[in-house]
């Protein structure tokens, strides 16, 4: 079992809960100790994104200790005949649902990767994109609300829900890292964890470049996720304390002074030049505070995209099959509800 938390300042609190105690609990009688609530949730969590993170955030808020089960396939929680695999849990009164994060799906992200255009993040409603997603996320006979392509709308409340809200404390080492952090993946997490280990009390600020800036230096159809989506994805990481939305490409003296940065870190990936060909890390190099950090993980956003493109036909077939199954489930659920309504009506008569 792999354990996780969120931000160093919360880990001690979580440990207290895991022990089933609260401050001063040793002096309390067993009757006065609050029972620890263990929460279970499961899913496929394929290409985990901020929608998944939001579901886990909500699940964690329902109790003290969260256990996540990761499926080996993408089966959903109802069979075609309408049987609910959570039936026993529901009967025992221990079933709860988290509110779905609208505007994001793995299917949508895969669709963006397969659509090789420079402006998909700003022209998501274009006819070319819509035609592609119609082929990718729809099947004859209906449209599934789970698999279908959607568009994310950022709100200030959503950012607040994801943000730690913690300011740097005396003694913290303020570390700045910048980049696209597109399709936030385990390679990014390993990098941020390695950065986090550089100091006893790290406060990591991530500077996210705007979409147009990322497209300038990476080209092709990057970024896959727009800056609002990337913000939530990065904020969901336990090692991140703050995010600069639309950070300048060059790490300037003003930026370093403003955030009182002690260290600037970059991975072993390529450092792209600024628009004028200059080194964007010239200032932290001059000050001697630039560190190259090896994440020990070779996974990149490019590698994920190439994996998707290579298996394009398989992904399209997979999603069409998946949506057909989901539509069958929706129809089965509707029939079940109609039968229950008839039974209630007959009982009244």
C-alpha atoms as a PDB file:
ATOM      1  CA  UNK A   1       0.000   0.000   0.000  1.00  0.00           C
ATOM      2  CA  UNK A   2       1.352   3.420  -0.951  1.00  0.00           C
ATOM      3  CA  UNK A   3       0.627   6.220   1.493  1.00  0.00           C
ATOM      4  CA  UNK A   4       0.288   9.872   0.615  1.00  0.00           C
ATOM      5  CA  UNK A   5      -0.602  13.220   2.159  1.00  0.00           C
ATOM      6  CA  UNK A   6      -0.716  16.891   1.127  1.00  0.00           C
ATOM      7  CA  UNK A   7       1.902  19.479   2.120  1.00  0.00           C
ATOM      8  CA  UNK A   8       4.446  19.032   4.870  1.00  0.00           C
ATOM      9  CA  UNK A   9       2.506  21.134   7.374  1.00  0.00           C
ATOM     10  CA  UNK A  10      -0.410  18.678   7.302  1.00  0.00           C
ATOM     11  CA  UNK A  11       1.449  15.393   7.690  1.00  0.00           C
ATOM     12  CA  UNK A  12       1.664  15.518  11.493  1.00  0.00           C
ATOM     13  CA  UNK A  13      -2.062  16.139  11.700  1.00  0.00           C
ATOM     14  CA  UNK A  14      -2.757  13.173   9.462  1.00  0.00           C
ATOM     15  CA  UNK A  15      -0.496  10.973  11.581  1.00  0.00           C
ATOM     16  CA  UNK A  16      -2.476  11.909  14.671  1.00  0.00           C
ATOM     17  CA  UNK A  17      -5.680  10.857  12.990  1.00  0.00           C
ATOM     18  CA  UNK A  18      -4.195   7.599  11.778  1.00  0.00           C
ATOM     19  CA  UNK A  19      -3.347   6.711  15.340  1.00  0.00           C
ATOM     20  CA  UNK A  20      -6.983   7.234  16.248  1.00  0.00           C
ATOM     21  CA  UNK A  21      -6.138   9.987  18.706  1.00  0.00           C
ATOM     22  CA  UNK A  22      -6.455  13.707  19.114  1.00  0.00           C
ATOM     23  CA  UNK A  23      -4.266  16.073  21.184  1.00  0.00           C
ATOM     24  CA  UNK A  24      -4.591  15.045  24.815  1.00  0.00           C
ATOM     25  CA  UNK A  25      -6.285  11.783  23.883  1.00  0.00           C
ATOM     26  CA  UNK A  26      -4.021   9.758  26.172  1.00  0.00           C
ATOM     27  CA  UNK A  27      -5.728  11.345  29.170  1.00  0.00           C
ATOM     28  CA  UNK A  28      -9.220  10.712  27.811  1.00  0.00           C
ATOM     29  CA  UNK A  29     -11.377   7.666  28.389  1.00  0.00           C
ATOM     30  CA  UNK A  30     -12.023   5.381  25.382  1.00  0.00           C
ATOM     31  CA  UNK A  31     -15.616   6.600  25.322  1.00  0.00           C
ATOM     32  CA  UNK A  32     -14.457  10.157  24.679  1.00  0.00           C
ATOM     33  CA  UNK A  33     -12.153   9.250  21.829  1.00  0.00           C
ATOM     34  CA  UNK A  34     -13.667   9.944  18.444  1.00  0.00           C
ATOM     35  CA  UNK A  35     -13.822   6.882  16.221  1.00  0.00           C
ATOM     36  CA  UNK A  36     -11.504   7.161  13.237  1.00  0.00           C
ATOM     37  CA  UNK A  37     -13.398   7.131   9.941  1.00  0.00           C
ATOM     38  CA  UNK A  38     -11.729   5.166   7.153  1.00  0.00           C
ATOM     39  CA  UNK A  39     -12.836   6.019   3.616  1.00  0.00           C
ATOM     40  CA  UNK A  40     -12.486   3.791   0.548  1.00  0.00           C
ATOM     41  CA  UNK A  41     -12.812   4.873  -3.067  1.00  0.00           C
ATOM     42  CA  UNK A  42     -11.762   3.135  -6.257  1.00  0.00           C
ATOM     43  CA  UNK A  43     -11.474   3.672  -9.967  1.00  0.00           C
ATOM     44  CA  UNK A  44      -9.279   3.368 -13.042  1.00  0.00           C
ATOM     45  CA  UNK A  45      -7.497   6.733 -12.555  1.00  0.00           C
ATOM     46  CA  UNK A  46      -6.106   6.519 -16.063  1.00  0.00           C
ATOM     47  CA  UNK A  47      -3.825   9.463 -16.899  1.00  0.00           C
ATOM     48  CA  UNK A  48      -4.748  10.943 -13.523  1.00  0.00           C
ATOM     49  CA  UNK A  49      -5.824  14.596 -13.798  1.00  0.00           C
ATOM     50  CA  UNK A  50      -7.319  17.331 -11.606  1.00  0.00           C
ATOM     51  CA  UNK A  51     -10.779  15.773 -11.917  1.00  0.00           C
ATOM     52  CA  UNK A  52      -9.447  12.683 -10.172  1.00  0.00           C
ATOM     53  CA  UNK A  53      -7.629  14.864  -7.634  1.00  0.00           C
ATOM     54  CA  UNK A  54     -10.854  16.702  -6.859  1.00  0.00           C
ATOM     55  CA  UNK A  55     -12.676  13.412  -6.293  1.00  0.00           C
ATOM     56  CA  UNK A  56      -9.947  12.258  -3.898  1.00  0.00           C
ATOM     57  CA  UNK A  57     -10.025  15.630  -2.127  1.00  0.00           C
ATOM     58  CA  UNK A  58     -13.753  15.298  -1.528  1.00  0.00           C
ATOM     59  CA  UNK A  59     -13.402  11.686  -0.425  1.00  0.00           C
ATOM     60  CA  UNK A  60     -10.653  12.588   2.061  1.00  0.00           C
ATOM     61  CA  UNK A  61     -12.894  15.286   3.551  1.00  0.00           C
ATOM     62  CA  UNK A  62     -15.482  12.599   4.409  1.00  0.00           C
ATOM     63  CA  UNK A  63     -13.212  10.935   6.961  1.00  0.00           C
ATOM     64  CA  UNK A  64      -9.803  10.688   8.567  1.00  0.00           C
ATOM     65  CA  UNK A  65      -7.978   8.074   6.493  1.00  0.00           C
ATOM     66  CA  UNK A  66      -8.386   7.569   2.754  1.00  0.00           C
ATOM     67  CA  UNK A  67      -7.635   4.295   0.964  1.00  0.00           C
ATOM     68  CA  UNK A  68      -7.719   4.326  -2.858  1.00  0.00           C
ATOM     69  CA  UNK A  69      -8.186   1.204  -4.948  1.00  0.00           C
ATOM     70  CA  UNK A  70      -6.837   1.321  -8.507  1.00  0.00           C
ATOM     71  CA  UNK A  71      -8.546  -0.998 -10.992  1.00  0.00           C
ATOM     72  CA  UNK A  72      -6.612  -3.067 -13.474  1.00  0.00           C
ATOM     73  CA  UNK A  73      -9.097  -2.116 -16.216  1.00  0.00           C
ATOM     74  CA  UNK A  74     -11.732   0.521 -16.970  1.00  0.00           C
ATOM     75  CA  UNK A  75     -14.802  -1.387 -15.831  1.00  0.00           C
ATOM     76  CA  UNK A  76     -17.496   0.826 -14.418  1.00  0.00           C
ATOM     77  CA  UNK A  77     -19.556   0.189 -11.310  1.00  0.00           C
ATOM     78  CA  UNK A  78     -22.632  -1.228 -13.013  1.00  0.00           C
ATOM     79  CA  UNK A  79     -22.936  -4.217 -15.275  1.00  0.00           C
ATOM     80  CA  UNK A  80     -24.947  -4.141 -18.500  1.00  0.00           C
ATOM     81  CA  UNK A  81     -27.877  -5.852 -16.768  1.00  0.00           C
ATOM     82  CA  UNK A  82     -27.973  -3.015 -14.256  1.00  0.00           C
ATOM     83  CA  UNK A  83     -26.464  -4.789 -11.241  1.00  0.00           C
ATOM     84  CA  UNK A  84     -24.818  -2.334  -8.889  1.00  0.00           C
ATOM     85  CA  UNK A  85     -21.426  -3.571  -7.659  1.00  0.00           C
ATOM     86  CA  UNK A  86     -21.800  -1.267  -4.631  1.00  0.00           C
ATOM     87  CA  UNK A  87     -25.154  -2.778  -3.706  1.00  0.00           C
ATOM     88  CA  UNK A  88     -24.018  -4.301  -0.393  1.00  0.00           C
ATOM     89  CA  UNK A  89     -22.263  -1.102   0.643  1.00  0.00           C
ATOM     90  CA  UNK A  90     -25.392   0.911  -0.083  1.00  0.00           C
ATOM     91  CA  UNK A  91     -27.566  -1.503   1.896  1.00  0.00           C
ATOM     92  CA  UNK A  92     -25.305  -1.046   4.907  1.00  0.00           C
ATOM     93  CA  UNK A  93     -25.667   2.747   4.645  1.00  0.00           C
ATOM     94  CA  UNK A  94     -21.951   3.351   4.038  1.00  0.00           C
ATOM     95  CA  UNK A  95     -22.069   4.587   0.452  1.00  0.00           C
ATOM     96  CA  UNK A  96     -21.379   8.244  -0.407  1.00  0.00           C
ATOM     97  CA  UNK A  97     -20.857   9.995  -3.743  1.00  0.00           C
ATOM     98  CA  UNK A  98     -18.437  12.805  -4.611  1.00  0.00           C
ATOM     99  CA  UNK A  99     -19.506  15.593  -6.913  1.00  0.00           C
ATOM    100  CA  UNK A 100     -18.002  15.142 -10.375  1.00  0.00           C
ATOM    101  CA  UNK A 101     -15.651  17.838 -11.668  1.00  0.00           C
ATOM    102  CA  UNK A 102     -17.326  19.168 -14.789  1.00  0.00           C
ATOM    103  CA  UNK A 103     -15.313  19.901 -17.907  1.00  0.00           C
ATOM    104  CA  UNK A 104     -12.603  17.258 -17.807  1.00  0.00           C
ATOM    105  CA  UNK A 105     -12.290  13.633 -18.809  1.00  0.00           C
ATOM    106  CA  UNK A 106      -9.493  11.304 -19.833  1.00  0.00           C
ATOM    107  CA  UNK A 107     -11.269  10.936 -23.161  1.00  0.00           C
ATOM    108  CA  UNK A 108     -11.083  14.689 -23.772  1.00  0.00           C
ATOM    109  CA  UNK A 109      -7.368  14.793 -22.991  1.00  0.00           C
ATOM    110  CA  UNK A 110      -6.659  11.858 -25.296  1.00  0.00           C
ATOM    111  CA  UNK A 111      -8.685  13.581 -28.013  1.00  0.00           C
ATOM    112  CA  UNK A 112      -6.548  16.699 -27.700  1.00  0.00           C
ATOM    113  CA  UNK A 113      -3.391  14.628 -28.032  1.00  0.00           C
ATOM    114  CA  UNK A 114      -4.668  13.017 -31.208  1.00  0.00           C
ATOM    115  CA  UNK A 115      -5.641  16.357 -32.721  1.00  0.00           C
ATOM    116  CA  UNK A 116      -2.341  17.721 -33.998  1.00  0.00           C
ATOM    117  CA  UNK A 117      -3.012  21.439 -34.112  1.00  0.00           C
ATOM    118  CA  UNK A 118      -1.254  24.390 -32.523  1.00  0.00           C
ATOM    119  CA  UNK A 119      -4.399  26.046 -31.221  1.00  0.00           C
ATOM    120  CA  UNK A 120      -6.635  23.309 -29.814  1.00  0.00           C
ATOM    121  CA  UNK A 121      -6.597  24.888 -26.349  1.00  0.00           C
ATOM    122  CA  UNK A 122      -8.039  28.140 -27.727  1.00  0.00           C
ATOM    123  CA  UNK A 123     -10.203  26.684 -30.517  1.00  0.00           C
ATOM    124  CA  UNK A 124     -11.774  23.750 -28.725  1.00  0.00           C
ATOM    125  CA  UNK A 125     -15.124  24.541 -30.351  1.00  0.00           C
ATOM    126  CA  UNK A 126     -13.744  24.497 -33.892  1.00  0.00           C
ATOM    127  CA  UNK A 127     -15.384  22.248 -36.476  1.00  0.00           C
ATOM    128  CA  UNK A 128     -12.209  20.161 -36.899  1.00  0.00           C
ATOM    129  CA  UNK A 129     -11.968  19.486 -33.185  1.00  0.00           C
ATOM    130  CA  UNK A 130     -15.664  18.748 -32.863  1.00  0.00           C
ATOM    131  CA  UNK A 131     -15.616  16.341 -35.803  1.00  0.00           C
ATOM    132  CA  UNK A 132     -12.706  14.476 -34.248  1.00  0.00           C
ATOM    133  CA  UNK A 133     -14.325  14.258 -30.822  1.00  0.00           C
ATOM    134  CA  UNK A 134     -17.584  13.104 -32.378  1.00  0.00           C
ATOM    135  CA  UNK A 135     -15.668  10.137 -33.785  1.00  0.00           C
ATOM    136  CA  UNK A 136     -13.701   9.600 -30.594  1.00  0.00           C
ATOM    137  CA  UNK A 137     -16.231  10.014 -27.811  1.00  0.00           C
ATOM    138  CA  UNK A 138     -19.615   9.105 -29.302  1.00  0.00           C
ATOM    139  CA  UNK A 139     -21.260   5.960 -30.528  1.00  0.00           C
ATOM    140  CA  UNK A 140     -24.393   5.279 -32.535  1.00  0.00           C
ATOM    141  CA  UNK A 141     -27.516   5.399 -30.415  1.00  0.00           C
ATOM    142  CA  UNK A 142     -26.553   7.934 -27.789  1.00  0.00           C
ATOM    143  CA  UNK A 143     -23.962   9.890 -25.858  1.00  0.00           C
ATOM    144  CA  UNK A 144     -22.536   8.982 -22.453  1.00  0.00           C
ATOM    145  CA  UNK A 145     -22.122  11.777 -19.883  1.00  0.00           C
ATOM    146  CA  UNK A 146     -19.114   9.903 -18.461  1.00  0.00           C
ATOM    147  CA  UNK A 147     -17.051   9.311 -21.595  1.00  0.00           C
ATOM    148  CA  UNK A 148     -18.049  12.341 -23.676  1.00  0.00           C
ATOM    149  CA  UNK A 149     -15.792  15.294 -24.390  1.00  0.00           C
ATOM    150  CA  UNK A 150     -16.361  18.420 -22.316  1.00  0.00           C
ATOM    151  CA  UNK A 151     -14.725  21.778 -21.635  1.00  0.00           C
ATOM    152  CA  UNK A 152     -13.418  23.002 -18.288  1.00  0.00           C
ATOM    153  CA  UNK A 153     -14.437  26.364 -16.850  1.00  0.00           C
ATOM    154  CA  UNK A 154     -12.131  27.752 -14.168  1.00  0.00           C
ATOM    155  CA  UNK A 155     -13.529  29.465 -11.068  1.00  0.00           C
ATOM    156  CA  UNK A 156     -11.859  31.160  -8.120  1.00  0.00           C
ATOM    157  CA  UNK A 157     -13.639  28.754  -5.772  1.00  0.00           C
ATOM    158  CA  UNK A 158     -12.076  25.766  -7.517  1.00  0.00           C
ATOM    159  CA  UNK A 159      -8.597  27.245  -7.052  1.00  0.00           C
ATOM    160  CA  UNK A 160      -9.321  27.869  -3.361  1.00  0.00           C
ATOM    161  CA  UNK A 161     -10.398  24.252  -2.935  1.00  0.00           C
ATOM    162  CA  UNK A 162      -7.105  23.009  -4.364  1.00  0.00           C
ATOM    163  CA  UNK A 163      -4.729  25.556  -2.815  1.00  0.00           C
ATOM    164  CA  UNK A 164      -3.017  24.983   0.547  1.00  0.00           C
ATOM    165  CA  UNK A 165      -3.504  28.605   1.578  1.00  0.00           C
ATOM    166  CA  UNK A 166      -0.203  28.560   3.477  1.00  0.00           C
ATOM    167  CA  UNK A 167       2.289  31.421   3.309  1.00  0.00           C
ATOM    168  CA  UNK A 168       6.043  30.967   3.792  1.00  0.00           C
ATOM    169  CA  UNK A 169       7.028  30.683   7.442  1.00  0.00           C
ATOM    170  CA  UNK A 170      10.255  31.822   9.121  1.00  0.00           C
ATOM    171  CA  UNK A 171      12.950  29.269   8.408  1.00  0.00           C
ATOM    172  CA  UNK A 172      11.356  28.008   5.191  1.00  0.00           C
ATOM    173  CA  UNK A 173      13.568  27.566   2.131  1.00  0.00           C
ATOM    174  CA  UNK A 174      11.718  29.148  -0.779  1.00  0.00           C
ATOM    175  CA  UNK A 175      12.328  27.152  -3.948  1.00  0.00           C
ATOM    176  CA  UNK A 176      11.155  28.260  -7.391  1.00  0.00           C
ATOM    177  CA  UNK A 177      10.613  25.936 -10.347  1.00  0.00           C
ATOM    178  CA  UNK A 178       9.046  26.859 -13.678  1.00  0.00           C
ATOM    179  CA  UNK A 179       7.666  25.080 -16.708  1.00  0.00           C
ATOM    180  CA  UNK A 180       4.591  23.835 -18.523  1.00  0.00           C
ATOM    181  CA  UNK A 181       3.828  20.839 -16.272  1.00  0.00           C
ATOM    182  CA  UNK A 182       1.522  19.639 -19.021  1.00  0.00           C
ATOM    183  CA  UNK A 183      -0.468  16.419 -18.480  1.00  0.00           C
ATOM    184  CA  UNK A 184       0.854  16.445 -14.911  1.00  0.00           C
ATOM    185  CA  UNK A 185       2.283  12.954 -14.428  1.00  0.00           C
ATOM    186  CA  UNK A 186       4.488  10.831 -12.153  1.00  0.00           C
ATOM    187  CA  UNK A 187       7.634  12.252 -13.775  1.00  0.00           C
ATOM    188  CA  UNK A 188       6.596  15.709 -12.576  1.00  0.00           C
ATOM    189  CA  UNK A 189       5.732  14.352  -9.121  1.00  0.00           C
ATOM    190  CA  UNK A 190       9.115  12.637  -8.796  1.00  0.00           C
ATOM    191  CA  UNK A 191      10.867  15.860  -9.813  1.00  0.00           C
ATOM    192  CA  UNK A 192       8.943  17.925  -7.260  1.00  0.00           C
ATOM    193  CA  UNK A 193       9.601  15.310  -4.589  1.00  0.00           C
ATOM    194  CA  UNK A 194      13.331  15.479  -5.337  1.00  0.00           C
ATOM    195  CA  UNK A 195      13.168  19.280  -5.083  1.00  0.00           C
ATOM    196  CA  UNK A 196      11.228  18.965  -1.828  1.00  0.00           C
ATOM    197  CA  UNK A 197      14.066  16.890  -0.334  1.00  0.00           C
ATOM    198  CA  UNK A 198      16.613  19.663  -0.921  1.00  0.00           C
ATOM    199  CA  UNK A 199      15.605  21.492   2.245  1.00  0.00           C
ATOM    200  CA  UNK A 200      14.410  20.706   5.751  1.00  0.00           C
ATOM    201  CA  UNK A 201      11.475  23.117   5.445  1.00  0.00           C
ATOM    202  CA  UNK A 202      10.841  23.630   1.713  1.00  0.00           C
ATOM    203  CA  UNK A 203       8.255  26.040   0.336  1.00  0.00           C
ATOM    204  CA  UNK A 204       7.949  25.235  -3.365  1.00  0.00           C
ATOM    205  CA  UNK A 205       6.573  27.817  -5.796  1.00  0.00           C
ATOM    206  CA  UNK A 206       5.749  26.566  -9.298  1.00  0.00           C
ATOM    207  CA  UNK A 207       5.707  29.093 -12.125  1.00  0.00           C
ATOM    208  CA  UNK A 208       3.350  27.998 -14.908  1.00  0.00           C
ATOM    209  CA  UNK A 209       3.873  29.475 -18.360  1.00  0.00           C
ATOM    210  CA  UNK A 210       0.906  30.707 -20.369  1.00  0.00           C
ATOM    211  CA  UNK A 211      -0.361  28.503 -23.210  1.00  0.00           C
ATOM    212  CA  UNK A 212       1.039  30.751 -25.944  1.00  0.00           C
ATOM    213  CA  UNK A 213       4.482  30.709 -24.312  1.00  0.00           C
ATOM    214  CA  UNK A 214       4.488  26.909 -24.042  1.00  0.00           C
ATOM    215  CA  UNK A 215       3.411  26.641 -27.674  1.00  0.00           C
ATOM    216  CA  UNK A 216       6.251  28.966 -28.684  1.00  0.00           C
ATOM    217  CA  UNK A 217       9.022  26.827 -27.239  1.00  0.00           C
ATOM    218  CA  UNK A 218       7.481  23.355 -27.530  1.00  0.00           C
ATOM    219  CA  UNK A 219       5.492  23.761 -30.771  1.00  0.00           C
ATOM    220  CA  UNK A 220       3.240  21.032 -32.213  1.00  0.00           C
ATOM    221  CA  UNK A 221      -0.049  20.883 -30.319  1.00  0.00           C
ATOM    222  CA  UNK A 222       1.347  21.809 -26.898  1.00  0.00           C
ATOM    223  CA  UNK A 223       0.171  22.472 -24.311  1.00  0.00           C
ATOM    224  CA  UNK A 224      -2.410  19.680 -24.170  1.00  0.00           C
ATOM    225  CA  UNK A 225      -3.988  21.205 -21.059  1.00  0.00           C
ATOM    226  CA  UNK A 226      -4.632  24.925 -20.824  1.00  0.00           C
ATOM    227  CA  UNK A 227      -3.118  27.030 -18.053  1.00  0.00           C
ATOM    228  CA  UNK A 228      -6.244  26.841 -15.859  1.00  0.00           C
ATOM    229  CA  UNK A 229      -6.253  23.059 -15.970  1.00  0.00           C
ATOM    230  CA  UNK A 230      -2.514  22.889 -15.369  1.00  0.00           C
ATOM    231  CA  UNK A 231      -2.924  25.164 -12.340  1.00  0.00           C
ATOM    232  CA  UNK A 232      -5.276  22.746 -10.595  1.00  0.00           C
ATOM    233  CA  UNK A 233      -3.172  19.733 -11.560  1.00  0.00           C
ATOM    234  CA  UNK A 234      -0.044  21.251  -9.993  1.00  0.00           C
ATOM    235  CA  UNK A 235      -1.865  22.579  -6.915  1.00  0.00           C
ATOM    236  CA  UNK A 236      -3.098  19.059  -6.224  1.00  0.00           C
ATOM    237  CA  UNK A 237       0.490  17.888  -5.657  1.00  0.00           C
ATOM    238  CA  UNK A 238       1.450  17.560  -1.997  1.00  0.00           C
ATOM    239  CA  UNK A 239       4.894  19.105  -2.559  1.00  0.00           C
ATOM    240  CA  UNK A 240       3.594  22.368  -4.046  1.00  0.00           C
ATOM    241  CA  UNK A 241       2.876  25.341  -1.807  1.00  0.00           C
ATOM    242  CA  UNK A 242       2.053  28.047  -4.363  1.00  0.00           C
ATOM    243  CA  UNK A 243       1.543  28.492  -8.107  1.00  0.00           C
ATOM    244  CA  UNK A 244       2.310  31.545 -10.230  1.00  0.00           C
ATOM    245  CA  UNK A 245      -0.257  31.511 -13.030  1.00  0.00           C
ATOM    246  CA  UNK A 246       1.308  32.832 -16.217  1.00  0.00           C
ATOM    247  CA  UNK A 247       4.852  33.162 -14.884  1.00  0.00           C
ATOM    248  CA  UNK A 248       7.389  35.067 -17.011  1.00  0.00           C
ATOM    249  CA  UNK A 249       9.569  32.761 -19.090  1.00  0.00           C
ATOM    250  CA  UNK A 250      12.798  34.345 -17.893  1.00  0.00           C
ATOM    251  CA  UNK A 251      13.516  34.005 -14.162  1.00  0.00           C
ATOM    252  CA  UNK A 252      14.277  37.654 -13.531  1.00  0.00           C
ATOM    253  CA  UNK A 253      15.805  39.528 -10.598  1.00  0.00           C
ATOM    254  CA  UNK A 254      12.403  41.110  -9.906  1.00  0.00           C
ATOM    255  CA  UNK A 255      10.772  37.672  -9.666  1.00  0.00           C
ATOM    256  CA  UNK A 256      13.482  36.347  -7.337  1.00  0.00           C
ATOM    257  CA  UNK A 257      13.265  39.424  -5.120  1.00  0.00           C
ATOM    258  CA  UNK A 258       9.460  39.467  -5.068  1.00  0.00           C
ATOM    259  CA  UNK A 259       9.156  35.898  -3.816  1.00  0.00           C
ATOM    260  CA  UNK A 260      12.403  36.028  -1.773  1.00  0.00           C
ATOM    261  CA  UNK A 261      13.614  32.910  -3.600  1.00  0.00           C
ATOM    262  CA  UNK A 262      16.479  30.938  -2.041  1.00  0.00           C
ATOM    263  CA  UNK A 263      16.856  28.280  -4.743  1.00  0.00           C
ATOM    264  CA  UNK A 264      15.814  27.876  -8.382  1.00  0.00           C
ATOM    265  CA  UNK A 265      15.559  24.319  -9.679  1.00  0.00           C
ATOM    266  CA  UNK A 266      15.284  22.769 -13.123  1.00  0.00           C
ATOM    267  CA  UNK A 267      15.156  19.152 -14.219  1.00  0.00           C
ATOM    268  CA  UNK A 268      17.579  17.426 -16.563  1.00  0.00           C
ATOM    269  CA  UNK A 269      15.307  18.237 -19.497  1.00  0.00           C
ATOM    270  CA  UNK A 270      16.235  20.778 -22.161  1.00  0.00           C
ATOM    271  CA  UNK A 271      16.263  24.473 -21.255  1.00  0.00           C
ATOM    272  CA  UNK A 272      14.653  26.369 -24.117  1.00  0.00           C
ATOM    273  CA  UNK A 273      15.985  29.866 -24.974  1.00  0.00           C
ATOM    274  CA  UNK A 274      13.899  33.001 -24.535  1.00  0.00           C
ATOM    275  CA  UNK A 275      12.380  34.822 -27.521  1.00  0.00           C
ATOM    276  CA  UNK A 276      15.602  36.785 -28.061  1.00  0.00           C
ATOM    277  CA  UNK A 277      17.753  33.662 -27.765  1.00  0.00           C
ATOM    278  CA  UNK A 278      18.960  34.476 -24.246  1.00  0.00           C
ATOM    279  CA  UNK A 279      19.235  32.073 -21.304  1.00  0.00           C
ATOM    280  CA  UNK A 280      16.052  32.352 -19.180  1.00  0.00           C
ATOM    281  CA  UNK A 281      18.054  31.185 -16.130  1.00  0.00           C
ATOM    282  CA  UNK A 282      20.901  33.691 -16.515  1.00  0.00           C
ATOM    283  CA  UNK A 283      20.014  35.571 -13.312  1.00  0.00           C
ATOM    284  CA  UNK A 284      19.818  32.578 -10.941  1.00  0.00           C
ATOM    285  CA  UNK A 285      23.036  31.250 -12.531  1.00  0.00           C
ATOM    286  CA  UNK A 286      24.737  34.586 -11.811  1.00  0.00           C
ATOM    287  CA  UNK A 287      23.570  34.476  -8.194  1.00  0.00           C
ATOM    288  CA  UNK A 288      24.693  30.859  -7.793  1.00  0.00           C
ATOM    289  CA  UNK A 289      21.267  29.598  -6.725  1.00  0.00           C
ATOM    290  CA  UNK A 290      20.386  27.424  -9.762  1.00  0.00           C
ATOM    291  CA  UNK A 291      20.262  23.675  -9.126  1.00  0.00           C
ATOM    292  CA  UNK A 292      19.815  20.866 -11.663  1.00  0.00           C
ATOM    293  CA  UNK A 293      17.644  18.153 -10.107  1.00  0.00           C
ATOM    294  CA  UNK A 294      17.467  14.579 -11.363  1.00  0.00           C
ATOM    295  CA  UNK A 295      14.012  13.124 -10.772  1.00  0.00           C
ATOM    296  CA  UNK A 296      15.200   9.613 -11.536  1.00  0.00           C
ATOM    297  CA  UNK A 297      12.164   9.225 -13.791  1.00  0.00           C
ATOM    298  CA  UNK A 298      12.419   9.267 -17.592  1.00  0.00           C
ATOM    299  CA  UNK A 299       8.679   9.743 -18.228  1.00  0.00           C
ATOM    300  CA  UNK A 300       7.845  12.943 -20.138  1.00  0.00           C
ATOM    301  CA  UNK A 301       4.727  14.544 -21.551  1.00  0.00           C
ATOM    302  CA  UNK A 302       6.105  13.841 -25.035  1.00  0.00           C
ATOM    303  CA  UNK A 303       6.379  10.132 -24.208  1.00  0.00           C
ATOM    304  CA  UNK A 304       2.746   9.987 -23.094  1.00  0.00           C
ATOM    305  CA  UNK A 305       1.551  11.766 -26.221  1.00  0.00           C
ATOM    306  CA  UNK A 306       3.560   9.449 -28.478  1.00  0.00           C
ATOM    307  CA  UNK A 307       2.125   6.442 -26.647  1.00  0.00           C
ATOM    308  CA  UNK A 308      -1.397   7.704 -27.327  1.00  0.00           C
ATOM    309  CA  UNK A 309      -0.737   8.521 -30.987  1.00  0.00           C
ATOM    310  CA  UNK A 310       0.889   5.128 -31.582  1.00  0.00           C
ATOM    311  CA  UNK A 311      -2.221   3.397 -30.272  1.00  0.00           C
ATOM    312  CA  UNK A 312      -4.763   5.797 -31.771  1.00  0.00           C
ATOM    313  CA  UNK A 313      -7.025   3.186 -33.327  1.00  0.00           C
ATOM    314  CA  UNK A 314      -6.962   1.082 -30.177  1.00  0.00           C
ATOM    315  CA  UNK A 315      -7.925   4.096 -28.055  1.00  0.00           C
ATOM    316  CA  UNK A 316     -10.770   5.047 -30.395  1.00  0.00           C
ATOM    317  CA  UNK A 317     -12.122   1.503 -30.336  1.00  0.00           C
ATOM    318  CA  UNK A 318     -11.700   1.341 -26.557  1.00  0.00           C
ATOM    319  CA  UNK A 319     -13.622   4.542 -25.949  1.00  0.00           C
ATOM    320  CA  UNK A 320     -16.420   3.636 -28.358  1.00  0.00           C
ATOM    321  CA  UNK A 321     -16.803   0.264 -26.640  1.00  0.00           C
ATOM    322  CA  UNK A 322     -16.663   1.921 -23.222  1.00  0.00           C
ATOM    323  CA  UNK A 323     -19.322   4.454 -24.123  1.00  0.00           C
ATOM    324  CA  UNK A 324     -21.588   1.786 -25.612  1.00  0.00           C
ATOM    325  CA  UNK A 325     -21.384  -0.043 -22.293  1.00  0.00           C
ATOM    326  CA  UNK A 326     -22.107   3.133 -20.339  1.00  0.00           C
ATOM    327  CA  UNK A 327     -25.183   3.869 -22.470  1.00  0.00           C
ATOM    328  CA  UNK A 328     -26.435   0.335 -21.838  1.00  0.00           C
ATOM    329  CA  UNK A 329     -25.966   0.916 -18.113  1.00  0.00           C
ATOM    330  CA  UNK A 330     -27.882   4.201 -18.214  1.00  0.00           C
ATOM    331  CA  UNK A 331     -30.738   2.468 -19.997  1.00  0.00           C
ATOM    332  CA  UNK A 332     -30.677  -0.358 -17.439  1.00  0.00           C
ATOM    333  CA  UNK A 333     -30.769   2.159 -14.595  1.00  0.00           C
ATOM    334  CA  UNK A 334     -33.724   3.881 -16.220  1.00  0.00           C
ATOM    335  CA  UNK A 335     -35.578   0.575 -16.522  1.00  0.00           C
ATOM    336  CA  UNK A 336     -34.857  -0.201 -12.867  1.00  0.00           C
ATOM    337  CA  UNK A 337     -36.223   3.163 -11.785  1.00  0.00           C
ATOM    338  CA  UNK A 338     -39.350   2.674 -13.896  1.00  0.00           C
ATOM    339  CA  UNK A 339     -39.929  -0.751 -12.324  1.00  0.00           C
ATOM    340  CA  UNK A 340     -39.526   0.686  -8.817  1.00  0.00           C
ATOM    341  CA  UNK A 341     -42.002   3.448  -9.640  1.00  0.00           C
ATOM    342  CA  UNK A 342     -44.533   0.863 -10.852  1.00  0.00           C
ATOM    343  CA  UNK A 343     -44.040  -1.225  -7.686  1.00  0.00           C
ATOM    344  CA  UNK A 344     -44.593   1.809  -5.454  1.00  0.00           C
ATOM    345  CA  UNK A 345     -47.726   2.715  -7.396  1.00  0.00           C
ATOM    346  CA  UNK A 346     -49.098  -0.838  -7.069  1.00  0.00           C
ATOM    347  CA  UNK A 347     -48.335  -0.851  -3.340  1.00  0.00           C
ATOM    348  CA  UNK A 348     -50.413   2.309  -2.896  1.00  0.00           C
ATOM    349  CA  UNK A 349     -53.323   0.716  -4.778  1.00  0.00           C
END
